[in-house]
């Protein structure tokens, strides 16, 4: 997988909002007994991007964006390759 890191602050606020909404609604995750509203998930992801706990990666082979935790092994592998 060839990935390109996309700086969140290089996106307009509207583009960032739409990207994060698309990613969080794409992910089918069970949050337990209490469902977390999409708006709250989006806020959490944007906060993680701002605090550098997550990054946006563009996958050139699938032409899709993903938001991954900086603890994710794929992110760590990307950092080693830089």
N, C-alpha and C. Protein backbone atom coordinates (compact mmCIF):
# COMPACT_ATOMS: atom_id res chain seq x y z
N UNK A 1 0.85 -1.18 0.00
CA UNK A 1 0.00 0.00 0.00
C UNK A 1 0.89 1.24 0.00
N UNK A 2 0.75 2.06 -1.01
CA UNK A 2 1.45 3.32 -1.06
C UNK A 2 0.53 4.38 -0.47
N UNK A 3 0.99 5.03 0.58
CA UNK A 3 0.16 6.01 1.28
C UNK A 3 0.83 7.35 1.31
N UNK A 4 0.01 8.37 1.25
CA UNK A 4 0.46 9.74 1.35
C UNK A 4 -0.22 10.38 2.55
N UNK A 5 0.58 10.97 3.41
CA UNK A 5 0.02 11.66 4.58
C UNK A 5 -0.57 13.00 4.14
N UNK A 6 -1.81 13.25 4.52
CA UNK A 6 -2.49 14.49 4.19
C UNK A 6 -2.60 15.33 5.46
N UNK A 7 -1.98 16.50 5.50
CA UNK A 7 -2.09 17.34 6.70
C UNK A 7 -3.53 17.84 6.87
N UNK A 8 -4.12 17.57 8.01
CA UNK A 8 -5.52 17.97 8.24
C UNK A 8 -5.68 19.47 8.12
N UNK A 9 -4.66 20.22 8.54
CA UNK A 9 -4.77 21.68 8.52
C UNK A 9 -4.54 22.27 7.12
N UNK A 10 -4.26 21.41 6.15
CA UNK A 10 -4.16 21.84 4.77
C UNK A 10 -5.50 21.77 4.05
N UNK A 11 -6.50 21.21 4.74
CA UNK A 11 -7.85 21.09 4.17
C UNK A 11 -8.72 22.22 4.69
N UNK A 12 -9.67 22.63 3.88
CA UNK A 12 -10.63 23.62 4.36
C UNK A 12 -11.45 22.98 5.47
N UNK A 13 -12.05 23.77 6.34
CA UNK A 13 -12.84 23.21 7.44
C UNK A 13 -14.01 22.39 6.92
N UNK A 14 -14.60 22.82 5.81
CA UNK A 14 -15.72 22.07 5.23
C UNK A 14 -15.26 20.72 4.68
N UNK A 15 -14.14 20.71 3.99
CA UNK A 15 -13.60 19.46 3.44
C UNK A 15 -13.22 18.51 4.57
N UNK A 16 -12.57 19.02 5.61
CA UNK A 16 -12.20 18.19 6.75
C UNK A 16 -13.44 17.60 7.40
N UNK A 17 -14.45 18.41 7.62
CA UNK A 17 -15.69 17.95 8.23
C UNK A 17 -16.31 16.81 7.40
N UNK A 18 -16.39 17.01 6.10
CA UNK A 18 -17.01 15.99 5.23
C UNK A 18 -16.17 14.72 5.18
N UNK A 19 -14.86 14.87 5.14
CA UNK A 19 -13.99 13.69 5.13
C UNK A 19 -14.16 12.89 6.40
N UNK A 20 -14.11 13.56 7.54
CA UNK A 20 -14.25 12.86 8.82
C UNK A 20 -15.63 12.21 8.93
N UNK A 21 -16.68 12.90 8.51
CA UNK A 21 -18.03 12.32 8.52
C UNK A 21 -18.08 11.05 7.67
N UNK A 22 -17.46 11.11 6.49
CA UNK A 22 -17.47 9.94 5.60
C UNK A 22 -16.74 8.77 6.24
N UNK A 23 -15.61 9.04 6.85
CA UNK A 23 -14.82 7.97 7.47
C UNK A 23 -15.56 7.37 8.66
N UNK A 24 -16.10 8.19 9.55
CA UNK A 24 -16.74 7.63 10.75
C UNK A 24 -18.05 6.90 10.41
N UNK A 25 -18.72 7.30 9.35
CA UNK A 25 -19.95 6.59 8.98
C UNK A 25 -19.63 5.34 8.17
N UNK A 26 -18.45 5.28 7.58
CA UNK A 26 -18.01 4.10 6.82
C UNK A 26 -17.64 2.97 7.77
N UNK A 27 -17.09 3.32 8.90
CA UNK A 27 -16.61 2.33 9.86
C UNK A 27 -17.79 1.74 10.62
N UNK A 28 -17.98 0.45 10.49
CA UNK A 28 -19.07 -0.21 11.21
C UNK A 28 -18.57 -0.74 12.53
N UNK A 29 -18.61 0.08 13.54
CA UNK A 29 -18.07 -0.29 14.85
C UNK A 29 -19.18 -0.37 15.87
N UNK A 30 -19.11 -1.38 16.69
CA UNK A 30 -20.07 -1.53 17.79
C UNK A 30 -19.49 -0.81 19.00
N UNK A 31 -20.22 0.16 19.49
CA UNK A 31 -19.74 0.95 20.62
C UNK A 31 -20.31 0.49 21.95
N UNK A 32 -20.87 -0.70 21.98
CA UNK A 32 -21.39 -1.22 23.24
C UNK A 32 -22.85 -0.88 23.44
N UNK A 33 -23.24 -0.76 24.68
CA UNK A 33 -24.64 -0.53 25.03
C UNK A 33 -25.15 0.83 24.60
N UNK A 34 -24.28 1.81 24.57
CA UNK A 34 -24.70 3.18 24.26
C UNK A 34 -24.11 3.61 22.92
N UNK A 35 -24.97 3.96 21.98
CA UNK A 35 -24.53 4.42 20.67
C UNK A 35 -24.02 5.86 20.78
N UNK A 36 -22.91 6.13 20.13
CA UNK A 36 -22.34 7.48 20.14
C UNK A 36 -22.84 8.20 18.89
N UNK A 37 -23.43 9.38 19.04
CA UNK A 37 -23.93 10.13 17.88
C UNK A 37 -22.79 10.46 16.90
N UNK A 38 -23.10 10.48 15.62
CA UNK A 38 -22.11 10.77 14.59
C UNK A 38 -21.40 12.09 14.85
N UNK A 39 -22.13 13.10 15.25
CA UNK A 39 -21.53 14.42 15.51
C UNK A 39 -20.43 14.32 16.58
N UNK A 40 -20.68 13.54 17.61
CA UNK A 40 -19.70 13.38 18.68
C UNK A 40 -18.47 12.61 18.17
N UNK A 41 -18.70 11.57 17.34
CA UNK A 41 -17.59 10.82 16.76
C UNK A 41 -16.73 11.74 15.90
N UNK A 42 -17.37 12.58 15.09
CA UNK A 42 -16.64 13.51 14.23
C UNK A 42 -15.80 14.45 15.08
N UNK A 43 -16.38 15.00 16.13
CA UNK A 43 -15.63 15.89 17.04
C UNK A 43 -14.43 15.18 17.65
N UNK A 44 -14.61 13.93 18.05
CA UNK A 44 -13.51 13.16 18.65
C UNK A 44 -12.38 12.95 17.65
N UNK A 45 -12.73 12.64 16.41
CA UNK A 45 -11.70 12.41 15.39
C UNK A 45 -10.97 13.71 15.05
N UNK A 46 -11.70 14.79 14.91
CA UNK A 46 -11.05 16.07 14.62
C UNK A 46 -10.12 16.47 15.77
N UNK A 47 -10.55 16.22 16.99
CA UNK A 47 -9.69 16.51 18.15
C UNK A 47 -8.42 15.64 18.10
N UNK A 48 -8.58 14.37 17.72
CA UNK A 48 -7.42 13.47 17.62
C UNK A 48 -6.45 13.95 16.53
N UNK A 49 -6.99 14.46 15.43
CA UNK A 49 -6.13 15.00 14.37
C UNK A 49 -5.37 16.23 14.88
N UNK A 50 -6.06 17.11 15.57
CA UNK A 50 -5.44 18.35 16.06
C UNK A 50 -4.37 18.08 17.12
N UNK A 51 -4.56 17.02 17.90
CA UNK A 51 -3.59 16.69 18.95
C UNK A 51 -2.56 15.67 18.48
N UNK A 52 -2.56 15.41 17.17
CA UNK A 52 -1.60 14.50 16.54
C UNK A 52 -1.70 13.07 17.06
N UNK A 53 -2.89 12.67 17.49
CA UNK A 53 -3.13 11.29 17.89
C UNK A 53 -3.69 10.47 16.74
N UNK A 54 -3.95 11.14 15.61
CA UNK A 54 -4.44 10.49 14.41
C UNK A 54 -3.93 11.25 13.20
N UNK A 55 -3.86 10.55 12.06
CA UNK A 55 -3.45 11.19 10.82
C UNK A 55 -4.37 10.75 9.69
N UNK A 56 -4.38 11.55 8.64
CA UNK A 56 -5.14 11.22 7.43
C UNK A 56 -4.15 10.63 6.43
N UNK A 57 -4.49 9.46 5.92
CA UNK A 57 -3.67 8.84 4.89
C UNK A 57 -4.49 8.63 3.63
N UNK A 58 -3.90 8.97 2.49
CA UNK A 58 -4.51 8.71 1.20
C UNK A 58 -3.83 7.48 0.63
N UNK A 59 -4.60 6.45 0.33
CA UNK A 59 -4.09 5.20 -0.24
C UNK A 59 -4.15 5.32 -1.76
N UNK A 60 -2.99 5.34 -2.39
CA UNK A 60 -2.95 5.54 -3.84
C UNK A 60 -3.49 4.35 -4.62
N UNK A 61 -3.44 3.16 -4.05
CA UNK A 61 -3.94 1.99 -4.78
C UNK A 61 -5.46 1.91 -4.78
N UNK A 62 -6.10 2.31 -3.69
CA UNK A 62 -7.57 2.28 -3.63
C UNK A 62 -8.19 3.64 -3.85
N UNK A 63 -7.34 4.67 -3.89
CA UNK A 63 -7.79 6.06 -4.06
C UNK A 63 -8.81 6.46 -3.00
N UNK A 64 -8.51 6.07 -1.76
CA UNK A 64 -9.38 6.41 -0.63
C UNK A 64 -8.56 7.03 0.50
N UNK A 65 -9.25 7.79 1.33
CA UNK A 65 -8.63 8.35 2.53
C UNK A 65 -9.08 7.56 3.74
N UNK A 66 -8.17 7.42 4.67
CA UNK A 66 -8.47 6.80 5.95
C UNK A 66 -7.87 7.66 7.04
N UNK A 67 -8.44 7.57 8.21
CA UNK A 67 -7.90 8.26 9.37
C UNK A 67 -7.49 7.19 10.36
N UNK A 68 -6.22 7.21 10.69
CA UNK A 68 -5.67 6.17 11.55
C UNK A 68 -5.03 6.76 12.79
N UNK A 69 -5.11 6.01 13.86
CA UNK A 69 -4.43 6.39 15.09
C UNK A 69 -2.93 6.34 14.86
N UNK A 70 -2.20 7.24 15.48
CA UNK A 70 -0.75 7.21 15.34
C UNK A 70 -0.14 5.97 15.99
N UNK A 71 -0.93 5.23 16.76
CA UNK A 71 -0.48 3.97 17.35
C UNK A 71 -0.64 2.79 16.39
N UNK A 72 -1.33 3.01 15.28
CA UNK A 72 -1.60 1.95 14.31
C UNK A 72 -0.29 1.47 13.69
N UNK A 73 -0.08 0.16 13.58
CA UNK A 73 1.17 -0.36 13.00
C UNK A 73 1.44 0.16 11.58
N UNK A 74 0.41 0.43 10.79
CA UNK A 74 0.60 0.95 9.43
C UNK A 74 1.20 2.35 9.47
N UNK A 75 0.80 3.14 10.48
CA UNK A 75 1.36 4.48 10.63
C UNK A 75 2.81 4.39 11.08
N UNK A 76 3.09 3.50 12.00
CA UNK A 76 4.46 3.33 12.46
C UNK A 76 5.37 2.86 11.33
N UNK A 77 4.87 1.97 10.47
CA UNK A 77 5.65 1.51 9.32
C UNK A 77 5.91 2.65 8.35
N UNK A 78 4.94 3.50 8.16
CA UNK A 78 5.08 4.64 7.27
C UNK A 78 6.14 5.61 7.81
N UNK A 79 6.14 5.82 9.12
CA UNK A 79 7.13 6.72 9.74
C UNK A 79 8.55 6.17 9.56
N UNK A 80 8.69 4.84 9.66
CA UNK A 80 10.01 4.22 9.49
C UNK A 80 10.50 4.39 8.06
N UNK A 81 9.57 4.37 7.10
CA UNK A 81 9.94 4.48 5.69
C UNK A 81 10.31 5.90 5.30
N UNK A 82 9.92 6.89 6.11
CA UNK A 82 10.20 8.30 5.77
C UNK A 82 11.63 8.65 5.91
